[in-house]
Amino acid sequence: MKKYLYFLPSLVALAISSSAFSLTMVQPFPYVSASQTGRFYCKIIPTSNTPDFWHKAQASVYALTVSGKEKLLWSVNCPYSRRIFLSYNGEILAVVATQYYNNGPDKDLLIAFYRKGRLVKQYTIQQLIRYPALLRASRFQNNYVKEIHGFMIWTNRFILVTGDGTRYTFDTSTGRILSKK
């Protein structure tokens, strides 16, 4: 038993450092995501340093011209997330939430779709997951989303698998759910 106590300080130090590292990993920072074609990209920048900064960001969509210059197409204020997806033509942005605020599953955002700077449709946790209480999620851990397939190539269809295993296919131009399996 004594020989195992020798490792205890090392284990405690490892646990503290790994939890501190995981908390620093969630701090917001400017982030870029490109479309499937690579001709468009979205830059999302947190706009607040207050405790509710997760809610506030500005996403700007740019096109690369033939000469290699950038052209701003549109911008939108949206929740901050590093899970942003841009459609092949740069018209639609999907934002999958990475943080939850304990406002309740009926208020916490799971996914939102924006088209040319305007909100098309958003879904809360409660709208997409039948029994969210069974999926233990915290502010820093996401069990509500299992897989993100993203945009199907050359379409405006977006596929998301929730933590309860339900696979949704969305028409992002309308926000409508096309299939639920």
C-alpha atoms as a PDB file:
ATOM      1  CA  MET A   1       0.000   0.000   0.000  1.00  0.00           C
ATOM      2  CA  LYS A   2       2.852   2.387   0.853  1.00  0.00           C
ATOM      3  CA  LYS A   3       4.380   2.088  -2.599  1.00  0.00           C
ATOM      4  CA  TYR A   4       1.148   3.316  -4.179  1.00  0.00           C
ATOM      5  CA  LEU A   5       1.086   6.402  -1.950  1.00  0.00           C
ATOM      6  CA  TYR A   6       4.358   7.399  -3.589  1.00  0.00           C
ATOM      7  CA  PHE A   7       2.444   8.080  -6.831  1.00  0.00           C
ATOM      8  CA  LEU A   8      -0.356  10.085  -5.190  1.00  0.00           C
ATOM      9  CA  PRO A   9       1.274  13.572  -5.477  1.00  0.00           C
ATOM     10  CA  SER A  10       2.029  12.933  -9.151  1.00  0.00           C
ATOM     11  CA  LEU A  11      -1.548  11.872  -9.834  1.00  0.00           C
ATOM     12  CA  VAL A  12      -2.955  14.925  -8.055  1.00  0.00           C
ATOM     13  CA  ALA A  13      -0.637  17.249 -10.008  1.00  0.00           C
ATOM     14  CA  LEU A  14      -1.633  15.564 -13.271  1.00  0.00           C
ATOM     15  CA  ALA A  15      -5.338  15.879 -12.479  1.00  0.00           C
ATOM     16  CA  ILE A  16      -5.006  19.569 -11.620  1.00  0.00           C
ATOM     17  CA  SER A  17      -2.930  20.395 -14.682  1.00  0.00           C
ATOM     18  CA  SER A  18      -5.220  18.498 -17.057  1.00  0.00           C
ATOM     19  CA  SER A  19      -8.335  20.192 -15.691  1.00  0.00           C
ATOM     20  CA  ALA A  20      -6.644  23.593 -15.880  1.00  0.00           C
ATOM     21  CA  PHE A  21      -5.566  22.814 -19.446  1.00  0.00           C
ATOM     22  CA  SER A  22      -9.089  21.797 -20.441  1.00  0.00           C
ATOM     23  CA  LEU A  23     -10.514  25.046 -19.036  1.00  0.00           C
ATOM     24  CA  THR A  24      -8.003  27.121 -20.978  1.00  0.00           C
ATOM     25  CA  MET A  25      -8.892  25.238 -24.144  1.00  0.00           C
ATOM     26  CA  VAL A  26     -12.426  26.643 -24.103  1.00  0.00           C
ATOM     27  CA  GLN A  27     -11.419  30.294 -24.022  1.00  0.00           C
ATOM     28  CA  PRO A  28     -12.737  32.085 -27.097  1.00  0.00           C
ATOM     29  CA  PHE A  29     -10.358  33.254 -29.788  1.00  0.00           C
ATOM     30  CA  PRO A  30     -10.719  34.324 -33.429  1.00  0.00           C
ATOM     31  CA  TYR A  31     -11.348  31.287 -35.589  1.00  0.00           C
ATOM     32  CA  VAL A  32     -11.553  30.632 -39.348  1.00  0.00           C
ATOM     33  CA  SER A  33     -13.403  27.929 -41.273  1.00  0.00           C
ATOM     34  CA  ALA A  34     -13.402  27.458 -45.062  1.00  0.00           C
ATOM     35  CA  SER A  35     -16.123  26.218 -47.378  1.00  0.00           C
ATOM     36  CA  GLN A  36     -15.754  22.856 -49.132  1.00  0.00           C
ATOM     37  CA  THR A  37     -14.657  24.613 -52.307  1.00  0.00           C
ATOM     38  CA  GLY A  38     -12.049  26.703 -50.498  1.00  0.00           C
ATOM     39  CA  ARG A  39     -13.234  29.842 -52.302  1.00  0.00           C
ATOM     40  CA  PHE A  40     -15.065  31.196 -49.256  1.00  0.00           C
ATOM     41  CA  TYR A  41     -14.191  31.398 -45.597  1.00  0.00           C
ATOM     42  CA  CYS A  42     -15.798  32.553 -42.383  1.00  0.00           C
ATOM     43  CA  LYS A  43     -13.982  34.385 -39.616  1.00  0.00           C
ATOM     44  CA  ILE A  44     -15.677  34.390 -36.203  1.00  0.00           C
ATOM     45  CA  ILE A  45     -14.445  36.812 -33.553  1.00  0.00           C
ATOM     46  CA  PRO A  46     -15.671  37.019 -29.936  1.00  0.00           C
ATOM     47  CA  THR A  47     -17.014  40.510 -29.260  1.00  0.00           C
ATOM     48  CA  SER A  48     -17.136  40.548 -25.457  1.00  0.00           C
ATOM     49  CA  ASN A  49     -14.911  39.623 -22.529  1.00  0.00           C
ATOM     50  CA  THR A  50     -17.739  39.478 -20.005  1.00  0.00           C
ATOM     51  CA  PRO A  51     -18.879  36.193 -18.424  1.00  0.00           C
ATOM     52  CA  ASP A  52     -21.541  35.856 -21.132  1.00  0.00           C
ATOM     53  CA  PHE A  53     -18.990  36.229 -23.956  1.00  0.00           C
ATOM     54  CA  TRP A  54     -20.016  32.821 -25.282  1.00  0.00           C
ATOM     55  CA  HIS A  55     -23.182  34.418 -26.526  1.00  0.00           C
ATOM     56  CA  LYS A  56     -21.519  37.164 -28.490  1.00  0.00           C
ATOM     57  CA  ALA A  57     -19.458  36.991 -31.655  1.00  0.00           C
ATOM     58  CA  GLN A  58     -19.333  38.430 -35.113  1.00  0.00           C
ATOM     59  CA  ALA A  59     -19.012  36.093 -38.069  1.00  0.00           C
ATOM     60  CA  SER A  60     -17.833  37.555 -41.365  1.00  0.00           C
ATOM     61  CA  VAL A  61     -17.908  35.646 -44.646  1.00  0.00           C
ATOM     62  CA  TYR A  62     -15.321  36.438 -47.311  1.00  0.00           C
ATOM     63  CA  ALA A  63     -14.754  35.354 -50.894  1.00  0.00           C
ATOM     64  CA  LEU A  64     -11.366  34.975 -52.519  1.00  0.00           C
ATOM     65  CA  THR A  65     -11.326  36.687 -55.899  1.00  0.00           C
ATOM     66  CA  VAL A  66      -9.452  35.404 -58.949  1.00  0.00           C
ATOM     67  CA  SER A  67      -6.631  37.824 -58.145  1.00  0.00           C
ATOM     68  CA  GLY A  68      -6.392  36.401 -54.621  1.00  0.00           C
ATOM     69  CA  LYS A  69      -7.893  39.404 -52.880  1.00  0.00           C
ATOM     70  CA  GLU A  70     -10.503  39.090 -50.152  1.00  0.00           C
ATOM     71  CA  LYS A  71     -14.010  40.439 -50.571  1.00  0.00           C
ATOM     72  CA  LEU A  72     -16.391  40.751 -47.610  1.00  0.00           C
ATOM     73  CA  LEU A  73     -19.741  39.191 -48.576  1.00  0.00           C
ATOM     74  CA  TRP A  74     -21.718  39.496 -45.354  1.00  0.00           C
ATOM     75  CA  SER A  75     -21.504  39.593 -41.545  1.00  0.00           C
ATOM     76  CA  VAL A  76     -23.779  38.511 -38.729  1.00  0.00           C
ATOM     77  CA  ASN A  77     -23.845  38.681 -34.936  1.00  0.00           C
ATOM     78  CA  CYS A  78     -24.170  35.140 -33.623  1.00  0.00           C
ATOM     79  CA  PRO A  79     -23.183  32.930 -30.675  1.00  0.00           C
ATOM     80  CA  TYR A  80     -19.467  32.197 -30.450  1.00  0.00           C
ATOM     81  CA  SER A  81     -18.499  28.686 -31.505  1.00  0.00           C
ATOM     82  CA  ARG A  82     -15.520  26.953 -33.035  1.00  0.00           C
ATOM     83  CA  ARG A  83     -17.893  24.554 -34.742  1.00  0.00           C
ATOM     84  CA  ILE A  84     -18.892  26.716 -37.678  1.00  0.00           C
ATOM     85  CA  PHE A  85     -19.567  25.399 -41.162  1.00  0.00           C
ATOM     86  CA  LEU A  86     -19.856  27.360 -44.382  1.00  0.00           C
ATOM     87  CA  SER A  87     -21.798  26.151 -47.422  1.00  0.00           C
ATOM     88  CA  TYR A  88     -20.012  25.503 -50.718  1.00  0.00           C
ATOM     89  CA  ASN A  89     -21.212  28.848 -52.159  1.00  0.00           C
ATOM     90  CA  GLY A  90     -20.573  30.983 -49.047  1.00  0.00           C
ATOM     91  CA  GLU A  91     -24.247  31.836 -48.590  1.00  0.00           C
ATOM     92  CA  ILE A  92     -25.105  29.761 -45.505  1.00  0.00           C
ATOM     93  CA  LEU A  93     -23.389  29.494 -42.145  1.00  0.00           C
ATOM     94  CA  ALA A  94     -24.202  26.728 -39.659  1.00  0.00           C
ATOM     95  CA  VAL A  95     -23.217  27.388 -36.038  1.00  0.00           C
ATOM     96  CA  VAL A  96     -23.245  24.370 -33.716  1.00  0.00           C
ATOM     97  CA  ALA A  97     -23.160  25.428 -30.069  1.00  0.00           C
ATOM     98  CA  THR A  98     -20.139  24.463 -28.010  1.00  0.00           C
ATOM     99  CA  GLN A  99     -21.220  26.022 -24.721  1.00  0.00           C
ATOM    100  CA  TYR A 100     -24.370  25.696 -22.646  1.00  0.00           C
ATOM    101  CA  TYR A 101     -25.517  28.215 -20.099  1.00  0.00           C
ATOM    102  CA  ASN A 102     -27.827  26.263 -17.834  1.00  0.00           C
ATOM    103  CA  ASN A 103     -30.774  28.303 -19.087  1.00  0.00           C
ATOM    104  CA  GLY A 104     -32.575  25.015 -19.613  1.00  0.00           C
ATOM    105  CA  PRO A 105     -32.822  22.735 -22.649  1.00  0.00           C
ATOM    106  CA  ASP A 106     -35.740  24.743 -23.991  1.00  0.00           C
ATOM    107  CA  LYS A 107     -33.560  27.895 -24.197  1.00  0.00           C
ATOM    108  CA  ASP A 108     -29.995  26.700 -24.815  1.00  0.00           C
ATOM    109  CA  LEU A 109     -29.091  26.768 -28.484  1.00  0.00           C
ATOM    110  CA  LEU A 110     -27.941  23.593 -30.239  1.00  0.00           C
ATOM    111  CA  ILE A 111     -27.685  24.747 -33.869  1.00  0.00           C
ATOM    112  CA  ALA A 112     -28.453  27.881 -35.885  1.00  0.00           C
ATOM    113  CA  PHE A 113     -28.444  28.583 -39.626  1.00  0.00           C
ATOM    114  CA  TYR A 114     -27.712  31.994 -41.150  1.00  0.00           C
ATOM    115  CA  ARG A 115     -28.124  32.989 -44.785  1.00  0.00           C
ATOM    116  CA  LYS A 116     -26.394  36.107 -46.091  1.00  0.00           C
ATOM    117  CA  GLY A 117     -26.347  37.729 -42.658  1.00  0.00           C
ATOM    118  CA  ARG A 118     -29.847  36.803 -41.498  1.00  0.00           C
ATOM    119  CA  LEU A 119     -31.003  34.106 -39.106  1.00  0.00           C
ATOM    120  CA  VAL A 120     -32.886  31.418 -41.037  1.00  0.00           C
ATOM    121  CA  LYS A 121     -33.714  29.027 -38.198  1.00  0.00           C
ATOM    122  CA  GLN A 122     -32.343  27.941 -34.857  1.00  0.00           C
ATOM    123  CA  TYR A 123     -33.023  24.891 -32.730  1.00  0.00           C
ATOM    124  CA  THR A 124     -32.681  24.469 -28.991  1.00  0.00           C
ATOM    125  CA  ILE A 125     -31.559  21.311 -27.220  1.00  0.00           C
ATOM    126  CA  GLN A 126     -35.167  20.511 -26.267  1.00  0.00           C
ATOM    127  CA  GLN A 127     -36.339  20.749 -29.883  1.00  0.00           C
ATOM    128  CA  LEU A 128     -33.856  18.153 -31.151  1.00  0.00           C
ATOM    129  CA  ILE A 129     -33.253  15.812 -28.199  1.00  0.00           C
ATOM    130  CA  ARG A 130     -36.184  13.993 -26.689  1.00  0.00           C
ATOM    131  CA  TYR A 131     -34.757  13.438 -23.185  1.00  0.00           C
ATOM    132  CA  PRO A 132     -31.878  15.915 -22.730  1.00  0.00           C
ATOM    133  CA  ALA A 133     -31.634  15.226 -18.978  1.00  0.00           C
ATOM    134  CA  LEU A 134     -30.374  11.726 -19.787  1.00  0.00           C
ATOM    135  CA  LEU A 135     -27.355  13.198 -21.579  1.00  0.00           C
ATOM    136  CA  ARG A 136     -25.134  14.559 -18.875  1.00  0.00           C
ATOM    137  CA  ALA A 137     -23.643  17.729 -20.283  1.00  0.00           C
ATOM    138  CA  SER A 138     -21.971  20.581 -18.528  1.00  0.00           C
ATOM    139  CA  ARG A 139     -20.972  24.026 -19.670  1.00  0.00           C
ATOM    140  CA  PHE A 140     -17.597  22.698 -20.817  1.00  0.00           C
ATOM    141  CA  GLN A 141     -18.558  19.248 -22.082  1.00  0.00           C
ATOM    142  CA  ASN A 142     -20.874  18.598 -24.962  1.00  0.00           C
ATOM    143  CA  ASN A 143     -22.794  15.337 -24.928  1.00  0.00           C
ATOM    144  CA  TYR A 144     -25.672  16.799 -26.899  1.00  0.00           C
ATOM    145  CA  VAL A 145     -23.877  16.415 -30.233  1.00  0.00           C
ATOM    146  CA  LYS A 146     -22.414  13.055 -31.190  1.00  0.00           C
ATOM    147  CA  GLU A 147     -21.283  13.711 -34.769  1.00  0.00           C
ATOM    148  CA  ILE A 148     -21.300  16.589 -37.202  1.00  0.00           C
ATOM    149  CA  HIS A 149     -21.199  15.489 -40.820  1.00  0.00           C
ATOM    150  CA  GLY A 150     -21.626  19.084 -41.964  1.00  0.00           C
ATOM    151  CA  PHE A 151     -22.754  20.128 -45.407  1.00  0.00           C
ATOM    152  CA  MET A 152     -23.306  17.454 -48.013  1.00  0.00           C
ATOM    153  CA  ILE A 153     -21.066  18.287 -50.956  1.00  0.00           C
ATOM    154  CA  TRP A 154     -22.504  20.839 -53.412  1.00  0.00           C
ATOM    155  CA  THR A 155     -25.811  21.085 -51.521  1.00  0.00           C
ATOM    156  CA  ASN A 156     -27.385  23.129 -48.762  1.00  0.00           C
ATOM    157  CA  ARG A 157     -28.154  19.997 -46.758  1.00  0.00           C
ATOM    158  CA  PHE A 158     -26.529  19.697 -43.358  1.00  0.00           C
ATOM    159  CA  ILE A 159     -26.268  16.510 -41.284  1.00  0.00           C
ATOM    160  CA  LEU A 160     -25.997  16.392 -37.501  1.00  0.00           C
ATOM    161  CA  VAL A 161     -26.223  13.392 -35.139  1.00  0.00           C
ATOM    162  CA  THR A 162     -27.391  14.271 -31.639  1.00  0.00           C
ATOM    163  CA  GLY A 163     -26.147  12.652 -28.437  1.00  0.00           C
ATOM    164  CA  ASP A 164     -29.183  10.375 -28.317  1.00  0.00           C
ATOM    165  CA  GLY A 165     -28.258   8.963 -31.747  1.00  0.00           C
ATOM    166  CA  THR A 166     -30.873  10.805 -33.814  1.00  0.00           C
ATOM    167  CA  ARG A 167     -29.564  11.756 -37.265  1.00  0.00           C
ATOM    168  CA  TYR A 168     -31.009  14.999 -38.622  1.00  0.00           C
ATOM    169  CA  THR A 169     -30.758  16.244 -42.180  1.00  0.00           C
ATOM    170  CA  PHE A 170     -31.588  19.939 -42.516  1.00  0.00           C
ATOM    171  CA  ASP A 171     -32.378  22.058 -45.555  1.00  0.00           C
ATOM    172  CA  THR A 172     -30.304  25.028 -44.466  1.00  0.00           C
ATOM    173  CA  SER A 173     -31.854  27.456 -46.946  1.00  0.00           C
ATOM    174  CA  THR A 174     -35.143  27.168 -45.013  1.00  0.00           C
ATOM    175  CA  GLY A 175     -33.948  25.576 -41.757  1.00  0.00           C
ATOM    176  CA  ARG A 176     -36.484  22.813 -42.225  1.00  0.00           C
ATOM    177  CA  ILE A 177     -35.765  19.275 -40.963  1.00  0.00           C
ATOM    178  CA  LEU A 178     -35.809  17.008 -44.040  1.00  0.00           C
ATOM    179  CA  SER A 179     -35.292  13.737 -42.211  1.00  0.00           C
ATOM    180  CA  LYS A 180     -34.991  12.430 -38.686  1.00  0.00           C
ATOM    181  CA  LYS A 181     -33.690   8.892 -38.166  1.00  0.00           C
END
